[in-house]
Protein backbone atom coordinates (compact mmCIF):
# COMPACT_ATOMS: atom_id res chain seq x y z
CA MET A 1 -12.50 -15.68 10.14
CA ILE A 2 -11.55 -12.42 8.45
CA LYS A 3 -10.78 -12.78 4.74
CA LEU A 4 -8.44 -10.55 2.74
CA TYR A 5 -8.80 -10.67 -1.04
CA PHE A 6 -5.47 -9.67 -2.52
CA LEU A 7 -2.97 -9.46 -5.36
CA PRO A 8 0.73 -9.85 -4.52
CA TYR A 9 2.63 -6.61 -3.88
CA ALA A 10 -0.35 -4.41 -4.76
CA CYS A 11 -1.56 -1.75 -2.32
CA CYS A 12 -3.47 -4.49 -0.48
CA SER A 13 -0.11 -5.71 0.81
CA SER A 14 -0.29 -2.84 3.29
CA VAL A 15 -3.45 -4.40 4.74
CA HIS A 16 -1.68 -7.76 4.83
CA ILE A 17 1.15 -6.12 6.81
CA ILE A 18 -1.23 -4.59 9.33
CA LEU A 19 -3.07 -7.88 9.79
CA LYS A 20 0.30 -9.37 10.70
CA GLU A 21 1.04 -6.44 13.03
CA ILE A 22 -2.18 -6.91 15.01
CA LYS A 23 -1.68 -10.69 15.13
CA VAL A 24 -5.26 -11.53 14.16
CA GLU A 25 -6.21 -14.75 12.40
CA PHE A 26 -7.24 -14.24 8.79
CA GLU A 27 -7.56 -16.04 5.48
CA LEU A 28 -5.69 -14.75 2.46
CA ILE A 29 -7.54 -15.20 -0.82
CA TYR A 30 -5.70 -14.67 -4.11
CA VAL A 31 -7.82 -13.09 -6.88
CA GLY A 32 -5.27 -12.78 -9.68
CA LYS A 33 -5.36 -14.25 -13.16
CA ASN A 34 -4.56 -17.74 -11.86
CA ALA A 35 -7.36 -17.77 -9.29
CA ASN A 36 -10.20 -20.21 -9.89
CA GLU A 37 -13.36 -18.92 -11.50
CA GLN A 38 -15.49 -19.40 -8.40
CA ILE A 39 -13.26 -17.10 -6.40
CA LYS A 40 -13.18 -14.54 -9.23
CA SER A 41 -16.97 -14.57 -9.42
CA LYS A 42 -17.37 -14.06 -5.68
CA PHE A 43 -14.79 -11.28 -5.71
CA ALA A 44 -16.70 -9.46 -8.47
CA ILE A 45 -19.84 -9.62 -6.33
CA LEU A 46 -18.04 -8.32 -3.24
CA ASN A 47 -16.57 -5.37 -5.14
CA SER A 48 -18.02 -4.33 -8.48
CA LEU A 49 -14.81 -2.41 -9.23
CA LYS A 50 -12.94 -5.72 -9.06
CA SER A 51 -10.10 -3.94 -7.29
CA VAL A 52 -8.14 -4.92 -4.21
CA PRO A 53 -8.11 -4.82 -1.28
CA VAL A 54 -11.38 -6.29 -0.09
CA LEU A 55 -11.79 -7.27 3.54
CA GLU A 56 -14.66 -9.58 4.46
CA LEU A 57 -15.41 -9.70 8.17
CA GLU A 58 -16.71 -12.71 10.08
CA ASP A 59 -20.25 -11.32 10.08
CA GLY A 60 -20.19 -10.88 6.29
CA THR A 61 -19.51 -7.14 6.32
CA VAL A 62 -17.40 -6.13 3.32
CA ILE A 63 -14.96 -3.21 3.42
CA THR A 64 -13.27 -1.88 0.30
CA GLN A 65 -10.68 0.85 -0.30
CA CYS A 66 -7.27 0.64 1.31
CA ILE A 67 -7.52 3.65 3.62
CA ALA A 68 -10.89 2.56 4.99
CA ILE A 69 -9.63 -0.94 5.76
CA LEU A 70 -6.39 0.26 7.36
CA GLU A 71 -8.20 2.73 9.60
CA TYR A 72 -10.80 0.13 10.56
CA LEU A 73 -8.17 -2.41 11.60
CA ALA A 74 -6.17 0.18 13.54
CA ASP A 75 -9.28 1.28 15.43
CA GLN A 76 -10.30 -2.29 16.22
CA PHE A 77 -6.91 -2.97 17.80
CA PRO A 78 -5.90 0.34 19.46
CA GLN A 79 -3.37 -1.41 21.71
CA TYR A 80 -0.95 -1.53 18.78
CA ASN A 81 -0.92 2.27 18.35
CA LEU A 82 -1.13 2.15 14.57
CA LEU A 83 -3.28 5.26 14.16
CA GLY A 84 -3.80 7.25 17.35
CA LYS A 85 -6.76 8.26 19.48
CA ILE A 86 -9.73 9.98 17.89
CA GLY A 87 -9.21 13.73 18.02
CA SER A 88 -5.49 13.49 18.78
CA LYS A 89 -2.86 15.37 16.84
CA GLU A 90 -0.94 12.18 16.16
CA ARG A 91 -4.03 10.62 14.54
CA ILE A 92 -4.39 13.61 12.24
CA GLU A 93 -0.70 13.36 11.36
CA VAL A 94 -1.01 9.66 10.49
CA ILE A 95 -4.10 10.27 8.36
CA LYS A 96 -2.37 13.16 6.61
CA TRP A 97 0.55 10.97 5.53
CA LEU A 98 -1.73 8.04 4.77
CA SER A 99 -3.73 10.27 2.43
CA PHE A 100 -0.54 11.64 0.88
CA VAL A 101 0.67 8.13 0.03
CA ALA A 102 -2.73 7.01 -1.28
CA THR A 103 -3.87 10.02 -3.27
CA ASP A 104 -0.59 11.56 -4.41
CA LEU A 105 2.23 9.02 -4.48
CA HIS A 106 0.19 5.91 -5.32
CA LYS A 107 -1.64 7.63 -8.16
CA SER A 108 1.63 8.92 -9.59
CA PHE A 109 2.79 5.33 -10.10
CA SER A 110 -0.45 4.20 -11.73
CA PRO A 111 0.37 5.47 -15.28
CA LEU A 112 3.66 3.55 -15.25
CA PHE A 113 1.76 0.28 -15.01
CA GLN A 114 -0.63 1.25 -17.83
CA LEU A 115 1.49 2.96 -20.46
CA GLU A 116 0.43 0.64 -23.28
CA GLN A 117 -3.25 1.06 -22.47
CA ILE A 118 -2.92 4.85 -22.16
CA ALA A 119 -1.22 5.30 -25.53
CA VAL A 120 -1.64 2.22 -27.70
CA GLY A 121 1.10 1.99 -30.33
CA SER A 122 2.59 5.40 -29.61
CA GLU A 123 6.02 5.16 -28.01
CA VAL A 124 6.41 8.93 -28.03
CA THR A 125 3.20 9.46 -26.07
CA GLN A 126 4.10 6.65 -23.70
CA GLN A 127 7.47 8.27 -23.00
CA ASN A 128 5.81 11.65 -22.41
CA VAL A 129 3.39 10.09 -19.94
CA ARG A 130 6.27 8.29 -18.24
CA ASN A 131 8.27 11.51 -17.91
CA TRP A 132 5.23 13.26 -16.45
CA ALA A 133 4.72 10.46 -13.91
CA LEU A 134 8.40 10.40 -12.97
CA ALA A 135 8.37 14.14 -12.35
CA ASN A 136 5.49 13.73 -9.92
CA ILE A 137 7.09 10.78 -8.18
CA ASN A 138 10.33 12.73 -7.82
CA LYS A 139 8.44 15.62 -6.23
CA TYR A 140 6.68 13.37 -3.71
CA PHE A 141 9.78 11.30 -2.94
CA MET A 142 11.71 14.48 -2.21
CA ILE A 143 9.02 15.62 0.22
CA LEU A 144 9.27 12.27 1.99
CA ASN A 145 13.06 12.31 1.92
CA ASN A 146 13.17 15.75 3.54
CA HIS A 147 10.61 14.75 6.16
CA LEU A 148 12.51 11.59 7.07
CA ALA A 149 15.75 13.51 7.56
CA ALA A 150 14.49 14.38 11.03
CA ASN A 151 11.87 11.68 11.64
CA SER A 152 12.16 7.93 12.17
CA TYR A 153 8.63 7.29 10.87
CA LEU A 154 6.02 9.26 8.96
CA ALA A 155 4.14 10.24 12.11
CA ALA A 156 4.14 9.97 15.91
CA GLU A 157 7.69 8.56 15.91
CA ARG A 158 6.39 5.01 15.63
CA PHE A 159 5.26 2.59 12.96
CA SER A 160 1.73 3.29 11.73
CA ILE A 161 -0.67 2.31 8.96
CA ALA A 162 0.84 5.13 6.89
CA ASP A 163 4.27 3.49 7.04
CA ALA A 164 2.82 0.16 5.91
CA TYR A 165 1.26 1.81 2.85
CA LEU A 166 4.39 3.76 1.97
CA PHE A 167 6.58 0.67 2.21
CA VAL A 168 4.40 -1.13 -0.34
CA VAL A 169 4.25 1.77 -2.81
CA TYR A 170 8.01 2.28 -2.56
CA GLN A 171 8.52 -1.33 -3.67
CA TRP A 172 6.95 -0.45 -7.01
CA THR A 173 10.16 1.35 -7.95
CA LYS A 174 11.62 -2.11 -8.59
CA TYR A 175 9.03 -2.90 -11.24
CA THR A 176 8.85 0.48 -12.95
CA GLY A 177 12.51 1.43 -13.23
CA VAL A 178 12.20 4.43 -10.90
CA SER A 179 15.58 5.42 -9.45
CA THR A 180 15.79 5.97 -5.69
CA GLN A 181 19.43 7.08 -5.47
CA ASN A 182 18.54 10.71 -4.78
CA TYR A 183 16.53 9.88 -1.65
CA PRO A 184 18.95 8.47 0.94
CA ASN A 185 16.76 9.25 3.95
CA LEU A 186 13.78 7.57 2.37
CA SER A 187 15.84 4.57 1.29
CA ASN A 188 17.37 4.15 4.77
CA TYR A 189 13.90 4.35 6.33
CA ILE A 190 12.61 1.65 3.96
CA GLU A 191 15.56 -0.61 4.75
CA ARG A 192 14.93 -0.18 8.47
CA ILE A 193 11.23 -0.94 8.50
CA ALA A 194 11.80 -3.85 6.10
CA ARG A 195 13.29 -5.65 9.12
CA ARG A 196 9.91 -5.81 10.85
CA ASN A 197 8.64 -9.36 11.20
CA SER A 198 5.28 -8.40 9.70
CA ILE A 199 6.87 -7.05 6.53
CA LYS A 200 9.33 -9.91 6.13
CA SER A 201 6.47 -12.39 6.51
CA VAL A 202 4.28 -10.64 3.93
CA LEU A 203 7.05 -10.31 1.35
CA HIS A 204 7.94 -13.98 1.73
CA HIS A 205 4.35 -15.19 1.55
CA GLU A 206 3.19 -13.05 -1.37
CA ALA A 207 6.25 -13.96 -3.44
CA LYS A 208 4.74 -17.41 -3.82
CA TYR A 209 1.93 -15.95 -5.96
CA LEU A 210 4.13 -14.19 -8.51
């Protein structure tokens, strides 16, 4: 059985969502601070970075990095149209937005979770870093908001792996104090896709680990 090593509501939740979308059997393995030492030790062996997600296939193959895992799953189950055919314009569009979420938006949130480590004991520096991060997030949210004014999804007018990733990153606004009031199109889009059974199931299940 496929195994997904995860932390609740981290970027790996997007992989969890896609596993639910493709309706494949899998085992969810928690690797947070309350995980047992045996699991933590195995996780460190599977991924020396000790970062999630990690997907372990039935044959023992290990895949790390969110984008790689999402694309792999979408390609293994093409009937769900979560990525698009190789060489197609819609595939390129999905990958473009997937990369945007992963390399631009995701990374803009990262400093907000690490302010104390970035500037130990300096509230002024921490606030400067926060302001810098918020400016970037605002820029990327506005791009998304404008795009979603005329589009129901990020690409191909249907739910894709890019939408799963964006939904998860958007949730981080709740934990970092990032306002979303200036992005009505983005907020409406998030509310709409939050009704998907896959997303409702993941949010409910992962809440148990908080």
